[in-house]
C-alpha atoms as a PDB file:
ATOM      1  CA  MET A   1      76.585  63.649  39.530  1.00  0.00           C
ATOM      2  CA  LYS A   2      74.739  66.492  41.285  1.00  0.00           C
ATOM      3  CA  LEU A   3      72.069  65.425  43.769  1.00  0.00           C
ATOM      4  CA  TYR A   4      69.616  67.389  45.888  1.00  0.00           C
ATOM      5  CA  HIS A   5      69.083  66.412  49.526  1.00  0.00           C
ATOM      6  CA  ALA A   6      66.048  67.446  51.598  1.00  0.00           C
ATOM      7  CA  THR A   7      66.640  68.116  55.290  1.00  0.00           C
ATOM      8  CA  THR A   8      65.464  70.034  58.359  1.00  0.00           C
ATOM      9  CA  PRO A   9      67.062  72.998  60.145  1.00  0.00           C
ATOM     10  CA  ARG A  10      67.930  70.722  63.078  1.00  0.00           C
ATOM     11  CA  LYS A  11      69.669  68.162  60.866  1.00  0.00           C
ATOM     12  CA  LEU A  12      71.473  70.905  58.941  1.00  0.00           C
ATOM     13  CA  ALA A  13      72.835  72.233  62.251  1.00  0.00           C
ATOM     14  CA  ARG A  14      74.202  68.723  62.960  1.00  0.00           C
ATOM     15  CA  TYR A  15      75.763  68.550  59.488  1.00  0.00           C
ATOM     16  CA  ILE A  16      77.468  71.902  60.048  1.00  0.00           C
ATOM     17  CA  ALA A  17      78.686  70.963  63.561  1.00  0.00           C
ATOM     18  CA  SER A  18      80.143  67.648  62.390  1.00  0.00           C
ATOM     19  CA  GLY A  19      81.364  68.968  59.040  1.00  0.00           C
ATOM     20  CA  ARG A  20      79.638  66.162  57.154  1.00  0.00           C
ATOM     21  CA  ILE A  21      76.439  64.406  56.198  1.00  0.00           C
ATOM     22  CA  ILE A  22      76.959  60.809  57.263  1.00  0.00           C
ATOM     23  CA  GLN A  23      76.434  58.124  54.622  1.00  0.00           C
ATOM     24  CA  PRO A  24      74.351  56.929  52.966  1.00  0.00           C
ATOM     25  CA  VAL A  25      73.013  60.280  51.758  1.00  0.00           C
ATOM     26  CA  ARG A  26      69.748  60.183  49.809  1.00  0.00           C
ATOM     27  CA  GLY A  27      69.408  62.694  47.013  1.00  0.00           C
ATOM     28  CA  PHE A  28      67.281  63.394  43.975  1.00  0.00           C
ATOM     29  CA  THR A  29      68.316  64.228  40.433  1.00  0.00           C
ATOM     30  CA  THR A  30      66.457  67.551  40.332  1.00  0.00           C
ATOM     31  CA  PRO A  31      65.710  70.282  42.876  1.00  0.00           C
ATOM     32  CA  GLU A  32      62.008  69.879  42.012  1.00  0.00           C
ATOM     33  CA  ALA A  33      62.053  66.179  42.947  1.00  0.00           C
ATOM     34  CA  ALA A  34      63.753  66.988  46.260  1.00  0.00           C
ATOM     35  CA  LYS A  35      61.242  69.771  46.965  1.00  0.00           C
ATOM     36  CA  HIS A  36      58.327  67.470  46.170  1.00  0.00           C
ATOM     37  CA  TRP A  37      59.671  64.849  48.596  1.00  0.00           C
ATOM     38  CA  ALA A  38      60.500  67.536  51.191  1.00  0.00           C
ATOM     39  CA  VAL A  39      56.964  68.902  51.285  1.00  0.00           C
ATOM     40  CA  ARG A  40      55.530  65.405  51.756  1.00  0.00           C
ATOM     41  CA  HIS A  41      57.983  64.549  54.550  1.00  0.00           C
ATOM     42  CA  GLY A  42      58.294  67.769  56.537  1.00  0.00           C
ATOM     43  CA  ARG A  43      61.668  68.988  55.269  1.00  0.00           C
ATOM     44  CA  SER A  44      62.277  72.668  54.618  1.00  0.00           C
ATOM     45  CA  ILE A  45      65.853  72.885  53.293  1.00  0.00           C
ATOM     46  CA  ILE A  46      67.320  71.574  50.032  1.00  0.00           C
ATOM     47  CA  LEU A  47      71.065  71.021  49.722  1.00  0.00           C
ATOM     48  CA  GLU A  48      72.981  70.424  46.505  1.00  0.00           C
ATOM     49  CA  PHE A  49      76.012  68.124  46.585  1.00  0.00           C
ATOM     50  CA  ASP A  50      78.258  66.155  44.240  1.00  0.00           C
ATOM     51  CA  ALA A  51      77.663  62.422  44.616  1.00  0.00           C
ATOM     52  CA  LEU A  52      80.952  60.617  44.127  1.00  0.00           C
ATOM     53  CA  ARG A  53      79.613  57.057  44.493  1.00  0.00           C
ATOM     54  CA  PRO A  54      75.872  57.180  43.733  1.00  0.00           C
ATOM     55  CA  TRP A  55      73.560  54.211  43.257  1.00  0.00           C
ATOM     56  CA  LYS A  56      69.966  54.351  42.144  1.00  0.00           C
ATOM     57  CA  LEU A  57      67.282  53.522  44.684  1.00  0.00           C
ATOM     58  CA  PRO A  58      64.519  51.123  43.648  1.00  0.00           C
ATOM     59  CA  ASP A  59      61.863  53.451  45.093  1.00  0.00           C
ATOM     60  CA  HIS A  60      61.386  57.042  46.329  1.00  0.00           C
ATOM     61  CA  HIS A  61      61.144  58.353  42.756  1.00  0.00           C
ATOM     62  CA  ASN A  62      58.543  60.901  41.742  1.00  0.00           C
ATOM     63  CA  ARG A  63      57.429  62.582  38.527  1.00  0.00           C
ATOM     64  CA  HIS A  64      60.092  65.264  38.958  1.00  0.00           C
ATOM     65  CA  GLY A  65      63.173  63.008  39.191  1.00  0.00           C
ATOM     66  CA  THR A  66      64.780  59.843  40.494  1.00  0.00           C
ATOM     67  CA  ALA A  67      66.242  59.028  43.890  1.00  0.00           C
ATOM     68  CA  TRP A  68      69.825  57.936  44.526  1.00  0.00           C
ATOM     69  CA  TRP A  69      72.004  57.201  47.548  1.00  0.00           C
ATOM     70  CA  ASN A  70      75.559  58.381  47.791  1.00  0.00           C
ATOM     71  CA  GLU A  71      77.902  55.849  49.351  1.00  0.00           C
ATOM     72  CA  GLY A  72      80.266  57.908  51.455  1.00  0.00           C
ATOM     73  CA  ASP A  73      79.963  60.962  53.660  1.00  0.00           C
ATOM     74  CA  VAL A  74      79.244  64.308  52.027  1.00  0.00           C
ATOM     75  CA  VAL A  75      81.605  67.047  53.236  1.00  0.00           C
ATOM     76  CA  GLU A  76      80.709  69.842  50.810  1.00  0.00           C
ATOM     77  CA  TRP A  77      77.226  71.087  49.975  1.00  0.00           C
ATOM     78  CA  ARG A  78      75.380  74.232  48.992  1.00  0.00           C
ATOM     79  CA  GLU A  79      72.006  75.325  50.338  1.00  0.00           C
ATOM     80  CA  ILE A  80      69.731  76.119  47.399  1.00  0.00           C
ATOM     81  CA  THR A  81      66.489  77.077  49.167  1.00  0.00           C
ATOM     82  CA  ALA A  82      65.624  79.775  51.631  1.00  0.00           C
ATOM     83  CA  ARG A  83      64.927  77.972  54.887  1.00  0.00           C
ATOM     84  CA  GLY A  84      61.257  77.293  55.403  1.00  0.00           C
ATOM     85  CA  LEU A  85      60.226  78.685  52.028  1.00  0.00           C
ATOM     86  CA  ILE A  86      59.501  75.702  49.794  1.00  0.00           C
ATOM     87  CA  ASN A  87      56.735  75.994  47.221  1.00  0.00           C
ATOM     88  CA  VAL A  88      56.087  73.101  44.872  1.00  0.00           C
END
């Protein structure tokens, strides 16, 4: 399952330095849902990753998609937004 994770430049630098996003990793089912959450919570970067052991969160959903957590560290991701350029 593909999920979209909202983060900050500082956190992304930590992910890159450590080679992983430490579990649990929250993600949304659509890039639009992640962007919507990111704008509301001061995040400027959206990452796409494959969730190998996802489970649906009871909250954090929005009209654009649902929220899930991935149980397990994420070691591969792809940045899908230009840093600092999120428009919802």
